[in-house]
Amino acid sequence: MIVVPVKESENIERALKRFKRKFEKTGVVKELRRRQCFDKPSIIKREQKNRAVYVQKLQQRED
C-alpha cells in the first residue's frame, strides 16, 4: 500500500503528484496492461530478438 504523508503547509496538488509518481514506479498499470492479452511465446521471443538487434545497431553507431 502506498502511503504519502502530507505536511500541514504542503499543497494537496503536490502530495497528489508525489502519490502518482510513487504509483507509477510500482509498475501496477504496466503489469495490468501486459496481462490483459495473451502473447504467444514465439512472438515474445521474436520481439526480444528484434529489440536486441536494434540495441546492438545503436551501440555500433556510437562507436
N, C-alpha and C. Protein backbone atom coordinates (compact mmCIF):
# COMPACT_ATOMS: atom_id res chain seq x y z
N MET A 1 0.84 -1.18 0.00
CA MET A 1 0.00 0.00 0.00
C MET A 1 0.88 1.24 0.00
N ILE A 2 0.53 2.20 -0.81
CA ILE A 2 1.32 3.42 -0.94
C ILE A 2 0.84 4.45 0.07
N VAL A 3 1.78 4.97 0.83
CA VAL A 3 1.47 5.98 1.84
C VAL A 3 2.24 7.24 1.50
N VAL A 4 1.52 8.36 1.44
CA VAL A 4 2.15 9.65 1.17
C VAL A 4 1.79 10.59 2.31
N PRO A 5 2.73 10.82 3.23
CA PRO A 5 2.42 11.74 4.34
C PRO A 5 2.32 13.18 3.83
N VAL A 6 1.29 13.88 4.27
CA VAL A 6 1.06 15.26 3.83
C VAL A 6 1.32 16.17 5.01
N LYS A 7 2.24 17.12 4.80
CA LYS A 7 2.55 18.09 5.85
C LYS A 7 1.46 19.16 5.87
N GLU A 8 1.35 19.85 6.99
CA GLU A 8 0.28 20.84 7.12
C GLU A 8 0.43 21.99 6.12
N SER A 9 1.64 22.41 5.86
CA SER A 9 1.83 23.54 4.95
C SER A 9 1.94 23.11 3.49
N GLU A 10 1.85 21.80 3.22
CA GLU A 10 2.02 21.31 1.86
C GLU A 10 0.72 21.39 1.06
N ASN A 11 0.85 21.71 -0.19
CA ASN A 11 -0.28 21.81 -1.10
C ASN A 11 -0.78 20.41 -1.45
N ILE A 12 -2.09 20.23 -1.57
CA ILE A 12 -2.66 18.91 -1.85
C ILE A 12 -2.29 18.44 -3.26
N GLU A 13 -2.14 19.39 -4.20
CA GLU A 13 -1.75 19.01 -5.55
C GLU A 13 -0.35 18.42 -5.58
N ARG A 14 0.53 18.96 -4.76
CA ARG A 14 1.90 18.44 -4.69
C ARG A 14 1.92 17.04 -4.09
N ALA A 15 1.09 16.81 -3.07
CA ALA A 15 1.01 15.48 -2.47
C ALA A 15 0.42 14.48 -3.46
N LEU A 16 -0.56 14.90 -4.23
CA LEU A 16 -1.16 14.04 -5.24
C LEU A 16 -0.14 13.69 -6.33
N LYS A 17 0.69 14.65 -6.69
CA LYS A 17 1.72 14.42 -7.68
C LYS A 17 2.74 13.39 -7.16
N ARG A 18 3.11 13.49 -5.88
CA ARG A 18 4.02 12.51 -5.29
C ARG A 18 3.39 11.12 -5.28
N PHE A 19 2.10 11.06 -4.98
CA PHE A 19 1.40 9.77 -4.98
C PHE A 19 1.41 9.14 -6.37
N LYS A 20 1.10 9.95 -7.38
CA LYS A 20 1.09 9.44 -8.76
C LYS A 20 2.46 8.93 -9.17
N ARG A 21 3.51 9.65 -8.77
CA ARG A 21 4.87 9.25 -9.11
C ARG A 21 5.22 7.91 -8.45
N LYS A 22 4.86 7.76 -7.17
CA LYS A 22 5.12 6.51 -6.46
C LYS A 22 4.33 5.36 -7.08
N PHE A 23 3.08 5.64 -7.45
CA PHE A 23 2.24 4.61 -8.05
C PHE A 23 2.80 4.16 -9.39
N GLU A 24 3.31 5.11 -10.17
CA GLU A 24 3.88 4.78 -11.48
C GLU A 24 5.13 3.92 -11.32
N LYS A 25 5.92 4.19 -10.30
CA LYS A 25 7.15 3.42 -10.08
C LYS A 25 6.87 1.97 -9.69
N THR A 26 5.71 1.70 -9.11
CA THR A 26 5.39 0.33 -8.73
C THR A 26 5.15 -0.55 -9.95
N GLY A 27 4.71 0.04 -11.06
CA GLY A 27 4.51 -0.71 -12.29
C GLY A 27 3.22 -1.50 -12.34
N VAL A 28 2.24 -1.17 -11.53
CA VAL A 28 0.98 -1.90 -11.46
C VAL A 28 0.21 -1.76 -12.77
N VAL A 29 0.12 -0.56 -13.29
CA VAL A 29 -0.66 -0.32 -14.51
C VAL A 29 0.00 -1.02 -15.69
N LYS A 30 1.33 -0.94 -15.76
CA LYS A 30 2.05 -1.59 -16.86
C LYS A 30 1.84 -3.10 -16.82
N GLU A 31 1.89 -3.68 -15.64
CA GLU A 31 1.68 -5.12 -15.49
C GLU A 31 0.25 -5.50 -15.85
N LEU A 32 -0.71 -4.68 -15.46
CA LEU A 32 -2.11 -4.95 -15.78
C LEU A 32 -2.33 -4.95 -17.29
N ARG A 33 -1.78 -3.97 -17.99
CA ARG A 33 -1.93 -3.90 -19.44
C ARG A 33 -1.26 -5.09 -20.11
N ARG A 34 -0.11 -5.51 -19.56
CA ARG A 34 0.60 -6.64 -20.15
C ARG A 34 -0.19 -7.93 -20.00
N ARG A 35 -0.92 -8.08 -18.93
CA ARG A 35 -1.68 -9.30 -18.66
C ARG A 35 -3.05 -9.33 -19.32
N GLN A 36 -3.49 -8.25 -19.91
CA GLN A 36 -4.82 -8.21 -20.49
C GLN A 36 -4.96 -9.11 -21.71
N CYS A 37 -3.89 -9.31 -22.44
CA CYS A 37 -3.97 -10.15 -23.62
C CYS A 37 -2.84 -11.18 -23.58
N PHE A 38 -3.08 -12.33 -24.18
CA PHE A 38 -2.10 -13.40 -24.21
C PHE A 38 -1.21 -13.25 -25.43
N ASP A 39 0.09 -13.30 -25.20
CA ASP A 39 1.05 -13.27 -26.30
C ASP A 39 1.72 -14.63 -26.38
N LYS A 40 1.76 -15.16 -27.59
CA LYS A 40 2.39 -16.46 -27.78
C LYS A 40 3.88 -16.35 -27.46
N PRO A 41 4.45 -17.42 -26.90
CA PRO A 41 5.88 -17.38 -26.58
C PRO A 41 6.76 -17.09 -27.80
N SER A 42 6.37 -17.58 -28.97
CA SER A 42 7.17 -17.33 -30.17
C SER A 42 7.19 -15.84 -30.51
N ILE A 43 6.08 -15.16 -30.30
CA ILE A 43 6.01 -13.72 -30.59
C ILE A 43 6.87 -12.95 -29.58
N ILE A 44 6.83 -13.38 -28.32
CA ILE A 44 7.64 -12.72 -27.29
C ILE A 44 9.12 -12.86 -27.62
N LYS A 45 9.54 -14.07 -28.02
CA LYS A 45 10.94 -14.29 -28.38
C LYS A 45 11.35 -13.46 -29.59
N ARG A 46 10.47 -13.37 -30.56
CA ARG A 46 10.75 -12.58 -31.77
C ARG A 46 10.93 -11.12 -31.42
N GLU A 47 10.06 -10.58 -30.55
CA GLU A 47 10.17 -9.18 -30.16
C GLU A 47 11.46 -8.92 -29.38
N GLN A 48 11.83 -9.86 -28.50
CA GLN A 48 13.06 -9.71 -27.74
C GLN A 48 14.28 -9.72 -28.66
N LYS A 49 14.25 -10.60 -29.66
CA LYS A 49 15.36 -10.68 -30.62
C LYS A 49 15.45 -9.40 -31.43
N ASN A 50 14.32 -8.89 -31.91
CA ASN A 50 14.32 -7.66 -32.68
C ASN A 50 14.81 -6.48 -31.84
N ARG A 51 14.43 -6.44 -30.58
CA ARG A 51 14.86 -5.37 -29.69
C ARG A 51 16.37 -5.45 -29.47
N ALA A 52 16.90 -6.67 -29.30
CA ALA A 52 18.33 -6.86 -29.10
C ALA A 52 19.11 -6.42 -30.33
N VAL A 53 18.60 -6.75 -31.51
CA VAL A 53 19.26 -6.34 -32.75
C VAL A 53 19.27 -4.82 -32.87
N TYR A 54 18.17 -4.19 -32.53
CA TYR A 54 18.06 -2.74 -32.60
C TYR A 54 19.05 -2.07 -31.65
N VAL A 55 19.14 -2.58 -30.43
CA VAL A 55 20.05 -2.00 -29.44
C VAL A 55 21.49 -2.19 -29.88
N GLN A 56 21.79 -3.35 -30.43
CA GLN A 56 23.14 -3.62 -30.90
C GLN A 56 23.52 -2.66 -32.04
N LYS A 57 22.59 -2.40 -32.95
CA LYS A 57 22.87 -1.45 -34.04
C LYS A 57 23.11 -0.05 -33.49
N LEU A 58 22.34 0.36 -32.48
CA LEU A 58 22.55 1.67 -31.88
C LEU A 58 23.92 1.77 -31.23
N GLN A 59 24.35 0.71 -30.56
CA GLN A 59 25.65 0.72 -29.91
C GLN A 59 26.78 0.76 -30.94
N GLN A 60 26.60 0.09 -32.07
CA GLN A 60 27.62 0.10 -33.11
C GLN A 60 27.73 1.49 -33.76
N ARG A 61 26.63 2.19 -33.87
CA ARG A 61 26.65 3.53 -34.44
C ARG A 61 27.42 4.49 -33.55
N GLU A 62 27.34 4.30 -32.24
CA GLU A 62 28.03 5.19 -31.31
C GLU A 62 29.53 5.01 -31.40
N ASP A 63 29.98 3.80 -31.71
CA ASP A 63 31.44 3.55 -31.76
C ASP A 63 32.06 4.06 -32.99
